[in-house]
Amino acid sequence: MGVRVRRVYEPPEPDDGVRVLVDRLWPRGLAKDAARVDEWPKGLTPSTELRRWYHADEGSFEEFRERYEAELAAPEAAEPLERVRELAGKGPVTLLTASRQPDRSHAEVLARLLSE
């Protein structure tokens, strides 16, 4: 499976494959047609509480990862997670996030989970 993470603000590339926005909120200042998002499964995004906790610098990335993985193990996440797994099984998938540090974001946790 080819799953990678990119910032949604970067221009689309031909090898992106299916572009999946994994943020709960639409990125500020970005026109929908410019983003070229194919899927937006809000059920895969961290809960508002977890997102606020992490962005308030109340815990480590490792603790955030553990909490987010627990959310992804919940029944509500099963269907959207399986959908993205199926897409990744057919070709490249690019997980898009507005995070300034994609390598320390929920998108990276999700990419690792999908690559297992």
PDB file of N, CA and C in Angstrom:
ATOM      1  N   MET A   1       0.837  -1.181   0.000  1.00  0.00           N
ATOM      2  CA  MET A   1       0.000   0.000   0.000  1.00  0.00           C
ATOM      3  C   MET A   1       0.881   1.243   0.000  1.00  0.00           C
ATOM      4  N   GLY A   2       0.542   2.172  -0.844  1.00  0.00           N
ATOM      5  CA  GLY A   2       1.289   3.418  -0.894  1.00  0.00           C
ATOM      6  C   GLY A   2       0.506   4.537  -0.243  1.00  0.00           C
ATOM      7  N   VAL A   3       0.812   4.836   1.016  1.00  0.00           N
ATOM      8  CA  VAL A   3       0.147   5.912   1.739  1.00  0.00           C
ATOM      9  C   VAL A   3       1.204   6.921   2.145  1.00  0.00           C
ATOM     10  N   ARG A   4       0.965   8.163   1.796  1.00  0.00           N
ATOM     11  CA  ARG A   4       1.905   9.210   2.206  1.00  0.00           C
ATOM     12  C   ARG A   4       1.123  10.387   2.766  1.00  0.00           C
ATOM     13  N   VAL A   5       1.844  11.276   3.431  1.00  0.00           N
ATOM     14  CA  VAL A   5       1.243  12.446   4.069  1.00  0.00           C
ATOM     15  C   VAL A   5       1.831  13.696   3.441  1.00  0.00           C
ATOM     16  N   ARG A   6       0.949  14.654   3.138  1.00  0.00           N
ATOM     17  CA  ARG A   6       1.381  15.946   2.605  1.00  0.00           C
ATOM     18  C   ARG A   6       0.511  17.032   3.199  1.00  0.00           C
ATOM     19  N   ARG A   7       1.033  18.247   3.162  1.00  0.00           N
ATOM     20  CA  ARG A   7       0.217  19.395   3.568  1.00  0.00           C
ATOM     21  C   ARG A   7      -0.776  19.698   2.458  1.00  0.00           C
ATOM     22  N   VAL A   8      -1.974  20.003   2.824  1.00  0.00           N
ATOM     23  CA  VAL A   8      -3.024  20.284   1.860  1.00  0.00           C
ATOM     24  C   VAL A   8      -2.737  21.553   1.069  1.00  0.00           C
ATOM     25  N   TYR A   9      -1.899  22.430   1.611  1.00  0.00           N
ATOM     26  CA  TYR A   9      -1.568  23.681   0.941  1.00  0.00           C
ATOM     27  C   TYR A   9      -0.540  23.497  -0.181  1.00  0.00           C
ATOM     28  N   GLU A  10       0.119  22.353  -0.231  1.00  0.00           N
ATOM     29  CA  GLU A  10       1.072  22.083  -1.311  1.00  0.00           C
ATOM     30  C   GLU A  10       0.288  21.770  -2.582  1.00  0.00           C
ATOM     31  N   PRO A  11       0.802  22.173  -3.742  1.00  0.00           N
ATOM     32  CA  PRO A  11       0.064  21.893  -4.972  1.00  0.00           C
ATOM     33  C   PRO A  11      -0.038  20.390  -5.223  1.00  0.00           C
ATOM     34  N   PRO A  12      -1.160  19.948  -5.774  1.00  0.00           N
ATOM     35  CA  PRO A  12      -1.314  18.529  -6.092  1.00  0.00           C
ATOM     36  C   PRO A  12      -0.230  18.055  -7.061  1.00  0.00           C
ATOM     37  N   GLU A  13       0.163  16.793  -6.912  1.00  0.00           N
ATOM     38  CA  GLU A  13       1.156  16.187  -7.799  1.00  0.00           C
ATOM     39  C   GLU A  13       0.520  15.012  -8.519  1.00  0.00           C
ATOM     40  N   PRO A  14       1.009  14.690  -9.721  1.00  0.00           N
ATOM     41  CA  PRO A  14       0.415  13.593 -10.484  1.00  0.00           C
ATOM     42  C   PRO A  14       0.446  12.243  -9.761  1.00  0.00           C
ATOM     43  N   ASP A  15       1.446  12.010  -8.908  1.00  0.00           N
ATOM     44  CA  ASP A  15       1.547  10.714  -8.236  1.00  0.00           C
ATOM     45  C   ASP A  15       0.847  10.689  -6.871  1.00  0.00           C
ATOM     46  N   ASP A  16       0.007  11.685  -6.573  1.00  0.00           N
ATOM     47  CA  ASP A  16      -0.729  11.704  -5.305  1.00  0.00           C
ATOM     48  C   ASP A  16      -1.740  10.569  -5.214  1.00  0.00           C
ATOM     49  N   GLY A  17      -2.252  10.129  -6.324  1.00  0.00           N
ATOM     50  CA  GLY A  17      -3.318   9.128  -6.290  1.00  0.00           C
ATOM     51  C   GLY A  17      -4.574   9.756  -5.727  1.00  0.00           C
ATOM     52  N   VAL A  18      -5.262   9.019  -4.859  1.00  0.00           N
ATOM     53  CA  VAL A  18      -6.476   9.526  -4.228  1.00  0.00           C
ATOM     54  C   VAL A  18      -6.067  10.468  -3.098  1.00  0.00           C
ATOM     55  N   ARG A  19      -6.595  11.668  -3.134  1.00  0.00           N
ATOM     56  CA  ARG A  19      -6.248  12.692  -2.134  1.00  0.00           C
ATOM     57  C   ARG A  19      -7.342  12.713  -1.070  1.00  0.00           C
ATOM     58  N   VAL A  20      -6.940  12.409   0.172  1.00  0.00           N
ATOM     59  CA  VAL A  20      -7.881  12.263   1.278  1.00  0.00           C
ATOM     60  C   VAL A  20      -7.570  13.306   2.346  1.00  0.00           C
ATOM     61  N   LEU A  21      -8.502  14.224   2.569  1.00  0.00           N
ATOM     62  CA  LEU A  21      -8.346  15.221   3.627  1.00  0.00           C
ATOM     63  C   LEU A  21      -8.688  14.559   4.955  1.00  0.00           C
ATOM     64  N   VAL A  22      -7.768  14.608   5.910  1.00  0.00           N
ATOM     65  CA  VAL A  22      -7.987  13.943   7.192  1.00  0.00           C
ATOM     66  C   VAL A  22      -8.086  14.944   8.349  1.00  0.00           C
ATOM     67  N   ASP A  23      -8.448  16.178   8.045  1.00  0.00           N
ATOM     68  CA  ASP A  23      -8.705  17.199   9.063  1.00  0.00           C
ATOM     69  C   ASP A  23     -10.215  17.341   9.236  1.00  0.00           C
ATOM     70  N   ARG A  24     -10.649  17.606  10.456  1.00  0.00           N
ATOM     71  CA  ARG A  24     -12.084  17.764  10.725  1.00  0.00           C
ATOM     72  C   ARG A  24     -12.634  19.055  10.118  1.00  0.00           C
ATOM     73  N   LEU A  25     -11.819  20.114  10.134  1.00  0.00           N
ATOM     74  CA  LEU A  25     -12.236  21.412   9.605  1.00  0.00           C
ATOM     75  C   LEU A  25     -11.580  21.665   8.257  1.00  0.00           C
ATOM     76  N   TRP A  26     -12.283  22.373   7.389  1.00  0.00           N
ATOM     77  CA  TRP A  26     -11.708  22.726   6.090  1.00  0.00           C
ATOM     78  C   TRP A  26     -10.548  23.699   6.328  1.00  0.00           C
ATOM     79  N   PRO A  27      -9.424  23.522   5.643  1.00  0.00           N
ATOM     80  CA  PRO A  27      -8.250  24.393   5.828  1.00  0.00           C
ATOM     81  C   PRO A  27      -8.556  25.850   5.476  1.00  0.00           C
ATOM     82  N   ARG A  28      -8.107  26.734   6.337  1.00  0.00           N
ATOM     83  CA  ARG A  28      -8.347  28.166   6.141  1.00  0.00           C
ATOM     84  C   ARG A  28      -7.693  28.673   4.868  1.00  0.00           C
ATOM     85  N   GLY A  29      -8.439  29.510   4.160  1.00  0.00           N
ATOM     86  CA  GLY A  29      -7.900  30.204   3.001  1.00  0.00           C
ATOM     87  C   GLY A  29      -7.678  29.346   1.776  1.00  0.00           C
ATOM     88  N   LEU A  30      -8.191  28.140   1.766  1.00  0.00           N
ATOM     89  CA  LEU A  30      -7.972  27.228   0.641  1.00  0.00           C
ATOM     90  C   LEU A  30      -9.284  26.972  -0.091  1.00  0.00           C
ATOM     91  N   ALA A  31      -9.298  27.292  -1.376  1.00  0.00           N
ATOM     92  CA  ALA A  31     -10.490  27.046  -2.183  1.00  0.00           C
ATOM     93  C   ALA A  31     -10.640  25.543  -2.424  1.00  0.00           C
ATOM     94  N   LYS A  32     -11.854  25.059  -2.378  1.00  0.00           N
ATOM     95  CA  LYS A  32     -12.094  23.623  -2.536  1.00  0.00           C
ATOM     96  C   LYS A  32     -11.598  23.096  -3.877  1.00  0.00           C
ATOM     97  N   ASP A  33     -11.753  23.856  -4.941  1.00  0.00           N
ATOM     98  CA  ASP A  33     -11.296  23.373  -6.244  1.00  0.00           C
ATOM     99  C   ASP A  33      -9.772  23.325  -6.327  1.00  0.00           C
ATOM    100  N   ALA A  34      -9.077  24.196  -5.618  1.00  0.00           N
ATOM    101  CA  ALA A  34      -7.615  24.206  -5.624  1.00  0.00           C
ATOM    102  C   ALA A  34      -7.036  23.028  -4.837  1.00  0.00           C
ATOM    103  N   ALA A  35      -7.779  22.558  -3.832  1.00  0.00           N
ATOM    104  CA  ALA A  35      -7.286  21.471  -2.977  1.00  0.00           C
ATOM    105  C   ALA A  35      -7.351  20.115  -3.676  1.00  0.00           C
ATOM    106  N   ARG A  36      -8.275  19.989  -4.606  1.00  0.00           N
ATOM    107  CA  ARG A  36      -8.463  18.716  -5.317  1.00  0.00           C
ATOM    108  C   ARG A  36      -8.553  17.533  -4.352  1.00  0.00           C
ATOM    109  N   VAL A  37      -9.459  17.640  -3.408  1.00  0.00           N
ATOM    110  CA  VAL A  37      -9.696  16.577  -2.432  1.00  0.00           C
ATOM    111  C   VAL A  37     -10.701  15.594  -3.014  1.00  0.00           C
ATOM    112  N   ASP A  38     -10.355  14.309  -2.969  1.00  0.00           N
ATOM    113  CA  ASP A  38     -11.243  13.262  -3.478  1.00  0.00           C
ATOM    114  C   ASP A  38     -12.153  12.698  -2.391  1.00  0.00           C
ATOM    115  N   GLU A  39     -11.647  12.620  -1.176  1.00  0.00           N
ATOM    116  CA  GLU A  39     -12.408  12.054  -0.052  1.00  0.00           C
ATOM    117  C   GLU A  39     -12.170  12.925   1.176  1.00  0.00           C
ATOM    118  N   TRP A  40     -13.188  13.003   2.044  1.00  0.00           N
ATOM    119  CA  TRP A  40     -13.053  13.751   3.292  1.00  0.00           C
ATOM    120  C   TRP A  40     -13.775  12.987   4.398  1.00  0.00           C
ATOM    121  N   PRO A  41     -13.169  11.899   4.876  1.00  0.00           N
ATOM    122  CA  PRO A  41     -13.810  11.066   5.905  1.00  0.00           C
ATOM    123  C   PRO A  41     -13.637  11.651   7.312  1.00  0.00           C
ATOM    124  N   LYS A  42     -14.576  12.457   7.723  1.00  0.00           N
ATOM    125  CA  LYS A  42     -14.467  13.128   9.020  1.00  0.00           C
ATOM    126  C   LYS A  42     -14.448  12.132  10.185  1.00  0.00           C
ATOM    127  N   GLY A  43     -14.925  10.914   9.945  1.00  0.00           N
ATOM    128  CA  GLY A  43     -14.904   9.889  10.982  1.00  0.00           C
ATOM    129  C   GLY A  43     -13.513   9.404  11.333  1.00  0.00           C
ATOM    130  N   LEU A  44     -12.509   9.780  10.539  1.00  0.00           N
ATOM    131  CA  LEU A  44     -11.128   9.395  10.822  1.00  0.00           C
ATOM    132  C   LEU A  44     -10.343  10.492  11.514  1.00  0.00           C
ATOM    133  N   THR A  45     -10.959  11.615  11.736  1.00  0.00           N
ATOM    134  CA  THR A  45     -10.235  12.736  12.339  1.00  0.00           C
ATOM    135  C   THR A  45     -10.261  12.617  13.860  1.00  0.00           C
ATOM    136  N   PRO A  46      -9.257  13.148  14.526  1.00  0.00           N
ATOM    137  CA  PRO A  46      -9.280  13.119  15.992  1.00  0.00           C
ATOM    138  C   PRO A  46     -10.488  13.891  16.528  1.00  0.00           C
ATOM    139  N   SER A  47     -10.973  13.465  17.669  1.00  0.00           N
ATOM    140  CA  SER A  47     -12.091  14.178  18.291  1.00  0.00           C
ATOM    141  C   SER A  47     -11.675  15.621  18.601  1.00  0.00           C
ATOM    142  N   THR A  48     -12.655  16.474  18.722  1.00  0.00           N
ATOM    143  CA  THR A  48     -12.387  17.873  19.048  1.00  0.00           C
ATOM    144  C   THR A  48     -11.635  17.973  20.368  1.00  0.00           C
ATOM    145  N   GLU A  49     -12.024  17.158  21.340  1.00  0.00           N
ATOM    146  CA  GLU A  49     -11.363  17.187  22.647  1.00  0.00           C
ATOM    147  C   GLU A  49      -9.895  16.794  22.527  1.00  0.00           C
ATOM    148  N   LEU A  50      -9.611  15.732  21.786  1.00  0.00           N
ATOM    149  CA  LEU A  50      -8.225  15.277  21.631  1.00  0.00           C
ATOM    150  C   LEU A  50      -7.402  16.311  20.868  1.00  0.00           C
ATOM    151  N   ARG A  51      -7.988  16.856  19.830  1.00  0.00           N
ATOM    152  CA  ARG A  51      -7.280  17.871  19.033  1.00  0.00           C
ATOM    153  C   ARG A  51      -6.931  19.088  19.890  1.00  0.00           C
ATOM    154  N   ARG A  52      -7.888  19.561  20.657  1.00  0.00           N
ATOM    155  CA  ARG A  52      -7.633  20.730  21.520  1.00  0.00           C
ATOM    156  C   ARG A  52      -6.589  20.411  22.584  1.00  0.00           C
ATOM    157  N   TRP A  53      -6.669  19.217  23.162  1.00  0.00           N
ATOM    158  CA  TRP A  53      -5.689  18.804  24.180  1.00  0.00           C
ATOM    159  C   TRP A  53      -4.279  18.811  23.596  1.00  0.00           C
ATOM    160  N   TYR A  54      -4.129  18.236  22.407  1.00  0.00           N
ATOM    161  CA  TYR A  54      -2.800  18.143  21.794  1.00  0.00           C
ATOM    162  C   TYR A  54      -2.264  19.523  21.407  1.00  0.00           C
ATOM    163  N   HIS A  55      -3.104  20.368  20.841  1.00  0.00           N
ATOM    164  CA  HIS A  55      -2.658  21.691  20.400  1.00  0.00           C
ATOM    165  C   HIS A  55      -2.408  22.644  21.564  1.00  0.00           C
ATOM    166  N   ALA A  56      -2.893  22.297  22.739  1.00  0.00           N
ATOM    167  CA  ALA A  56      -2.620  23.111  23.928  1.00  0.00           C
ATOM    168  C   ALA A  56      -1.295  22.701  24.572  1.00  0.00           C
ATOM    169  N   ASP A  57      -0.566  21.787  23.926  1.00  0.00           N
ATOM    170  CA  ASP A  57       0.726  21.295  24.426  1.00  0.00           C
ATOM    171  C   ASP A  57       0.624  20.713  25.828  1.00  0.00           C
ATOM    172  N   GLU A  58      -0.470  19.971  26.064  1.00  0.00           N
ATOM    173  CA  GLU A  58      -0.655  19.359  27.378  1.00  0.00           C
ATOM    174  C   GLU A  58      -0.046  17.968  27.466  1.00  0.00           C
ATOM    175  N   GLY A  59       0.375  17.407  26.355  1.00  0.00           N
ATOM    176  CA  GLY A  59       0.922  16.057  26.381  1.00  0.00           C
ATOM    177  C   GLY A  59       1.907  15.839  25.250  1.00  0.00           C
ATOM    178  N   SER A  60       2.534  14.705  25.267  1.00  0.00           N
ATOM    179  CA  SER A  60       3.529  14.372  24.255  1.00  0.00           C
ATOM    180  C   SER A  60       2.867  13.822  22.988  1.00  0.00           C
ATOM    181  N   PHE A  61       3.641  13.783  21.923  1.00  0.00           N
ATOM    182  CA  PHE A  61       3.130  13.206  20.684  1.00  0.00           C
ATOM    183  C   PHE A  61       2.819  11.727  20.883  1.00  0.00           C
ATOM    184  N   GLU A  62       3.639  11.030  21.656  1.00  0.00           N
ATOM    185  CA  GLU A  62       3.402   9.596  21.905  1.00  0.00           C
ATOM    186  C   GLU A  62       2.077   9.378  22.615  1.00  0.00           C
ATOM    187  N   GLU A  63       1.768  10.212  23.583  1.00  0.00           N
ATOM    188  CA  GLU A  63       0.480  10.086  24.276  1.00  0.00           C
ATOM    189  C   GLU A  63      -0.669  10.422  23.330  1.00  0.00           C
ATOM    190  N   PHE A  64      -0.479  11.442  22.515  1.00  0.00           N
ATOM    191  CA  PHE A  64      -1.485  11.779  21.503  1.00  0.00           C
ATOM    192  C   PHE A  64      -1.712  10.600  20.564  1.00  0.00           C
ATOM    193  N   ARG A  65      -0.615   9.993  20.102  1.00  0.00           N
ATOM    194  CA  ARG A  65      -0.712   8.845  19.199  1.00  0.00           C
ATOM    195  C   ARG A  65      -1.528   7.722  19.831  1.00  0.00           C
ATOM    196  N   GLU A  66      -1.251   7.419  21.085  1.00  0.00           N
ATOM    197  CA  GLU A  66      -1.979   6.347  21.781  1.00  0.00           C
ATOM    198  C   GLU A  66      -3.472   6.670  21.887  1.00  0.00           C
ATOM    199  N   ARG A  67      -3.777   7.901  22.242  1.00  0.00           N
ATOM    200  CA  ARG A  67      -5.186   8.300  22.376  1.00  0.00           C
ATOM    201  C   ARG A  67      -5.899   8.282  21.017  1.00  0.00           C
ATOM    202  N   TYR A  68      -5.207   8.741  19.987  1.00  0.00           N
ATOM    203  CA  TYR A  68      -5.809   8.763  18.652  1.00  0.00           C
ATOM    204  C   TYR A  68      -6.010   7.341  18.130  1.00  0.00           C
ATOM    205  N   GLU A  69      -5.053   6.468  18.351  1.00  0.00           N
ATOM    206  CA  GLU A  69      -5.214   5.078  17.931  1.00  0.00           C
ATOM    207  C   GLU A  69      -6.403   4.424  18.643  1.00  0.00           C
ATOM    208  N   ALA A  70      -6.619   4.786  19.915  1.00  0.00           N
ATOM    209  CA  ALA A  70      -7.789   4.279  20.642  1.00  0.00           C
ATOM    210  C   ALA A  70      -9.075   4.779  19.990  1.00  0.00           C
ATOM    211  N   GLU A  71      -9.095   6.032  19.560  1.00  0.00           N
ATOM    212  CA  GLU A  71     -10.277   6.553  18.861  1.00  0.00           C
ATOM    213  C   GLU A  71     -10.497   5.826  17.537  1.00  0.00           C
ATOM    214  N   LEU A  72      -9.415   5.518  16.845  1.00  0.00           N
ATOM    215  CA  LEU A  72      -9.535   4.817  15.564  1.00  0.00           C
ATOM    216  C   LEU A  72      -9.995   3.366  15.737  1.00  0.00           C
ATOM    217  N   ALA A  73      -9.834   2.822  16.936  1.00  0.00           N
ATOM    218  CA  ALA A  73     -10.281   1.455  17.210  1.00  0.00           C
ATOM    219  C   ALA A  73     -11.774   1.399  17.546  1.00  0.00           C
ATOM    220  N   ALA A  74     -12.400   2.554  17.719  1.00  0.00           N
ATOM    221  CA  ALA A  74     -13.824   2.621  18.042  1.00  0.00           C
ATOM    222  C   ALA A  74     -14.658   2.220  16.829  1.00  0.00           C
ATOM    223  N   PRO A  75     -15.847   1.676  17.065  1.00  0.00           N
ATOM    224  CA  PRO A  75     -16.698   1.219  15.955  1.00  0.00           C
ATOM    225  C   PRO A  75     -17.018   2.298  14.915  1.00  0.00           C
ATOM    226  N   GLU A  76     -17.142   3.568  15.344  1.00  0.00           N
ATOM    227  CA  GLU A  76     -17.484   4.630  14.380  1.00  0.00           C
ATOM    228  C   GLU A  76     -16.409   4.839  13.334  1.00  0.00           C
ATOM    229  N   ALA A  77     -15.181   4.500  13.658  1.00  0.00           N
ATOM    230  CA  ALA A  77     -14.075   4.704  12.715  1.00  0.00           C
ATOM    231  C   ALA A  77     -13.878   3.519  11.777  1.00  0.00           C
ATOM    232  N   ALA A  78     -14.506   2.401  12.056  1.00  0.00           N
ATOM    233  CA  ALA A  78     -14.258   1.173  11.282  1.00  0.00           C
ATOM    234  C   ALA A  78     -14.566   1.338   9.794  1.00  0.00           C
ATOM    235  N   GLU A  79     -15.725   1.869   9.471  1.00  0.00           N
ATOM    236  CA  GLU A  79     -16.116   1.989   8.068  1.00  0.00           C
ATOM    237  C   GLU A  79     -15.227   2.959   7.284  1.00  0.00           C
ATOM    238  N   PRO A  80     -15.004   4.189   7.774  1.00  0.00           N
ATOM    239  CA  PRO A  80     -14.123   5.077   7.008  1.00  0.00           C
ATOM    240  C   PRO A  80     -12.683   4.567   6.939  1.00  0.00           C
ATOM    241  N   LEU A  81     -12.222   3.885   7.984  1.00  0.00           N
ATOM    242  CA  LEU A  81     -10.871   3.326   7.966  1.00  0.00           C
ATOM    243  C   LEU A  81     -10.760   2.235   6.906  1.00  0.00           C
ATOM    244  N   GLU A  82     -11.760   1.388   6.829  1.00  0.00           N
ATOM    245  CA  GLU A  82     -11.761   0.322   5.819  1.00  0.00           C
ATOM    246  C   GLU A  82     -11.835   0.917   4.414  1.00  0.00           C
ATOM    247  N   ARG A  83     -12.592   1.971   4.238  1.00  0.00           N
ATOM    248  CA  ARG A  83     -12.699   2.631   2.926  1.00  0.00           C
ATOM    249  C   ARG A  83     -11.326   3.128   2.454  1.00  0.00           C
ATOM    250  N   VAL A  84     -10.588   3.787   3.331  1.00  0.00           N
ATOM    251  CA  VAL A  84      -9.272   4.304   2.946  1.00  0.00           C
ATOM    252  C   VAL A  84      -8.302   3.143   2.731  1.00  0.00           C
ATOM    253  N   ARG A  85      -8.420   2.076   3.521  1.00  0.00           N
ATOM    254  CA  ARG A  85      -7.582   0.879   3.301  1.00  0.00           C
ATOM    255  C   ARG A  85      -7.829   0.290   1.909  1.00  0.00           C
ATOM    256  N   GLU A  86      -9.098   0.227   1.524  1.00  0.00           N
ATOM    257  CA  GLU A  86      -9.438  -0.289   0.193  1.00  0.00           C
ATOM    258  C   GLU A  86      -8.834   0.584  -0.901  1.00  0.00           C
ATOM    259  N   LEU A  87      -8.934   1.890  -0.736  1.00  0.00           N
ATOM    260  CA  LEU A  87      -8.347   2.812  -1.714  1.00  0.00           C
ATOM    261  C   LEU A  87      -6.840   2.597  -1.809  1.00  0.00           C
ATOM    262  N   ALA A  88      -6.183   2.443  -0.665  1.00  0.00           N
ATOM    263  CA  ALA A  88      -4.736   2.240  -0.641  1.00  0.00           C
ATOM    264  C   ALA A  88      -4.354   0.901  -1.260  1.00  0.00           C
ATOM    265  N   GLY A  89      -5.236  -0.068  -1.186  1.00  0.00           N
ATOM    266  CA  GLY A  89      -4.973  -1.359  -1.801  1.00  0.00           C
ATOM    267  C   GLY A  89      -5.029  -1.309  -3.317  1.00  0.00           C
ATOM    268  N   LYS A  90      -5.695  -0.306  -3.839  1.00  0.00           N
ATOM    269  CA  LYS A  90      -5.843  -0.165  -5.295  1.00  0.00           C
ATOM    270  C   LYS A  90      -4.806   0.753  -5.921  1.00  0.00           C
ATOM    271  N   GLY A  91      -4.156   1.593  -5.112  1.00  0.00           N
ATOM    272  CA  GLY A  91      -3.183   2.536  -5.656  1.00  0.00           C
ATOM    273  C   GLY A  91      -2.747   3.529  -4.606  1.00  0.00           C
ATOM    274  N   PRO A  92      -1.956   4.521  -5.018  1.00  0.00           N
ATOM    275  CA  PRO A  92      -1.450   5.485  -4.045  1.00  0.00           C
ATOM    276  C   PRO A  92      -2.559   6.323  -3.412  1.00  0.00           C
ATOM    277  N   VAL A  93      -2.349   6.627  -2.141  1.00  0.00           N
ATOM    278  CA  VAL A  93      -3.257   7.489  -1.379  1.00  0.00           C
ATOM    279  C   VAL A  93      -2.406   8.545  -0.692  1.00  0.00           C
ATOM    280  N   THR A  94      -2.846   9.781  -0.777  1.00  0.00           N
ATOM    281  CA  THR A  94      -2.167  10.872  -0.090  1.00  0.00           C
ATOM    282  C   THR A  94      -3.103  11.432   0.966  1.00  0.00           C
ATOM    283  N   LEU A  95      -2.665  11.357   2.225  1.00  0.00           N
ATOM    284  CA  LEU A  95      -3.426  11.928   3.327  1.00  0.00           C
ATOM    285  C   LEU A  95      -3.036  13.391   3.447  1.00  0.00           C
ATOM    286  N   LEU A  96      -4.018  14.254   3.409  1.00  0.00           N
ATOM    287  CA  LEU A  96      -3.782  15.698   3.420  1.00  0.00           C
ATOM    288  C   LEU A  96      -4.155  16.295   4.765  1.00  0.00           C
ATOM    289  N   THR A  97      -3.296  17.176   5.257  1.00  0.00           N
ATOM    290  CA  THR A  97      -3.545  17.869   6.512  1.00  0.00           C
ATOM    291  C   THR A  97      -3.045  19.303   6.418  1.00  0.00           C
ATOM    292  N   ALA A  98      -3.662  20.173   7.187  1.00  0.00           N
ATOM    293  CA  ALA A  98      -3.212  21.561   7.259  1.00  0.00           C
ATOM    294  C   ALA A  98      -2.127  21.739   8.313  1.00  0.00           C
ATOM    295  N   SER A  99      -1.835  20.694   9.048  1.00  0.00           N
ATOM    296  CA  SER A  99      -0.848  20.757  10.119  1.00  0.00           C
ATOM    297  C   SER A  99       0.487  21.299   9.614  1.00  0.00           C
ATOM    298  N   ARG A 100       1.096  22.150  10.410  1.00  0.00           N
ATOM    299  CA  ARG A 100       2.407  22.696  10.038  1.00  0.00           C
ATOM    300  C   ARG A 100       3.506  21.662  10.187  1.00  0.00           C
ATOM    301  N   GLN A 101       3.264  20.649  11.001  1.00  0.00           N
ATOM    302  CA  GLN A 101       4.219  19.563  11.197  1.00  0.00           C
ATOM    303  C   GLN A 101       3.533  18.234  10.887  1.00  0.00           C
ATOM    304  N   PRO A 102       3.369  17.913   9.621  1.00  0.00           N
ATOM    305  CA  PRO A 102       2.659  16.686   9.265  1.00  0.00           C
ATOM    306  C   PRO A 102       3.266  15.421   9.865  1.00  0.00           C
ATOM    307  N   ASP A 103       4.590  15.422  10.074  1.00  0.00           N
ATOM    308  CA  ASP A 103       5.249  14.234  10.615  1.00  0.00           C
ATOM    309  C   ASP A 103       4.975  14.049  12.112  1.00  0.00           C
ATOM    310  N   ARG A 104       4.351  15.029  12.761  1.00  0.00           N
ATOM    311  CA  ARG A 104       3.986  14.923  14.181  1.00  0.00           C
ATOM    312  C   ARG A 104       2.485  15.211  14.330  1.00  0.00           C
ATOM    313  N   SER A 105       1.727  14.714  13.375  1.00  0.00           N
ATOM    314  CA  SER A 105       0.288  14.967  13.375  1.00  0.00           C
ATOM    315  C   SER A 105      -0.489  13.653  13.322  1.00  0.00           C
ATOM    316  N   HIS A 106      -1.789  13.793  13.434  1.00  0.00           N
ATOM    317  CA  HIS A 106      -2.671  12.630  13.326  1.00  0.00           C
ATOM    318  C   HIS A 106      -2.551  11.970  11.958  1.00  0.00           C
ATOM    319  N   ALA A 107      -2.234  12.746  10.925  1.00  0.00           N
ATOM    320  CA  ALA A 107      -2.111  12.181   9.581  1.00  0.00           C
ATOM    321  C   ALA A 107      -0.986  11.145   9.523  1.00  0.00           C
ATOM    322  N   GLU A 108       0.097  11.416  10.201  1.00  0.00           N
ATOM    323  CA  GLU A 108       1.216  10.472  10.242  1.00  0.00           C
ATOM    324  C   GLU A 108       0.830   9.203  10.996  1.00  0.00           C
ATOM    325  N   VAL A 109       0.107   9.364  12.094  1.00  0.00           N
ATOM    326  CA  VAL A 109      -0.366   8.202  12.865  1.00  0.00           C
ATOM    327  C   VAL A 109      -1.279   7.357  11.983  1.00  0.00           C
ATOM    328  N   LEU A 110      -2.170   7.997  11.291  1.00  0.00           N
ATOM    329  CA  LEU A 110      -3.107   7.301  10.407  1.00  0.00           C
ATOM    330  C   LEU A 110      -2.367   6.606   9.268  1.00  0.00           C
ATOM    331  N   ALA A 111      -1.386   7.268   8.677  1.00  0.00           N
ATOM    332  CA  ALA A 111      -0.603   6.670   7.580  1.00  0.00           C
ATOM    333  C   ALA A 111       0.110   5.412   8.052  1.00  0.00           C
ATOM    334  N   ARG A 112       0.693   5.479   9.244  1.00  0.00           N
ATOM    335  CA  ARG A 112       1.385   4.299   9.791  1.00  0.00           C
ATOM    336  C   ARG A 112       0.415   3.151  10.025  1.00  0.00           C
ATOM    337  N   LEU A 113      -0.749   3.465  10.544  1.00  0.00           N
ATOM    338  CA  LEU A 113      -1.765   2.456  10.798  1.00  0.00           C
ATOM    339  C   LEU A 113      -2.237   1.805   9.504  1.00  0.00           C
ATOM    340  N   LEU A 114      -2.432   2.610   8.476  1.00  0.00           N
ATOM    341  CA  LEU A 114      -2.875   2.082   7.180  1.00  0.00           C
ATOM    342  C   LEU A 114      -1.800   1.271   6.479  1.00  0.00           C
ATOM    343  N   SER A 115      -0.552   1.521   6.776  1.00  0.00           N
ATOM    344  CA  SER A 115       0.554   0.813   6.131  1.00  0.00           C
ATOM    345  C   SER A 115       0.872  -0.521   6.783  1.00  0.00           C
ATOM    346  N   GLU A 116       0.263  -0.789   7.931  1.00  0.00           N
ATOM    347  CA  GLU A 116       0.519  -2.057   8.631  1.00  0.00           C
ATOM    348  C   GLU A 116      -0.153  -3.215   7.950  1.00  0.00           C
TER     349      GLU A 116
END
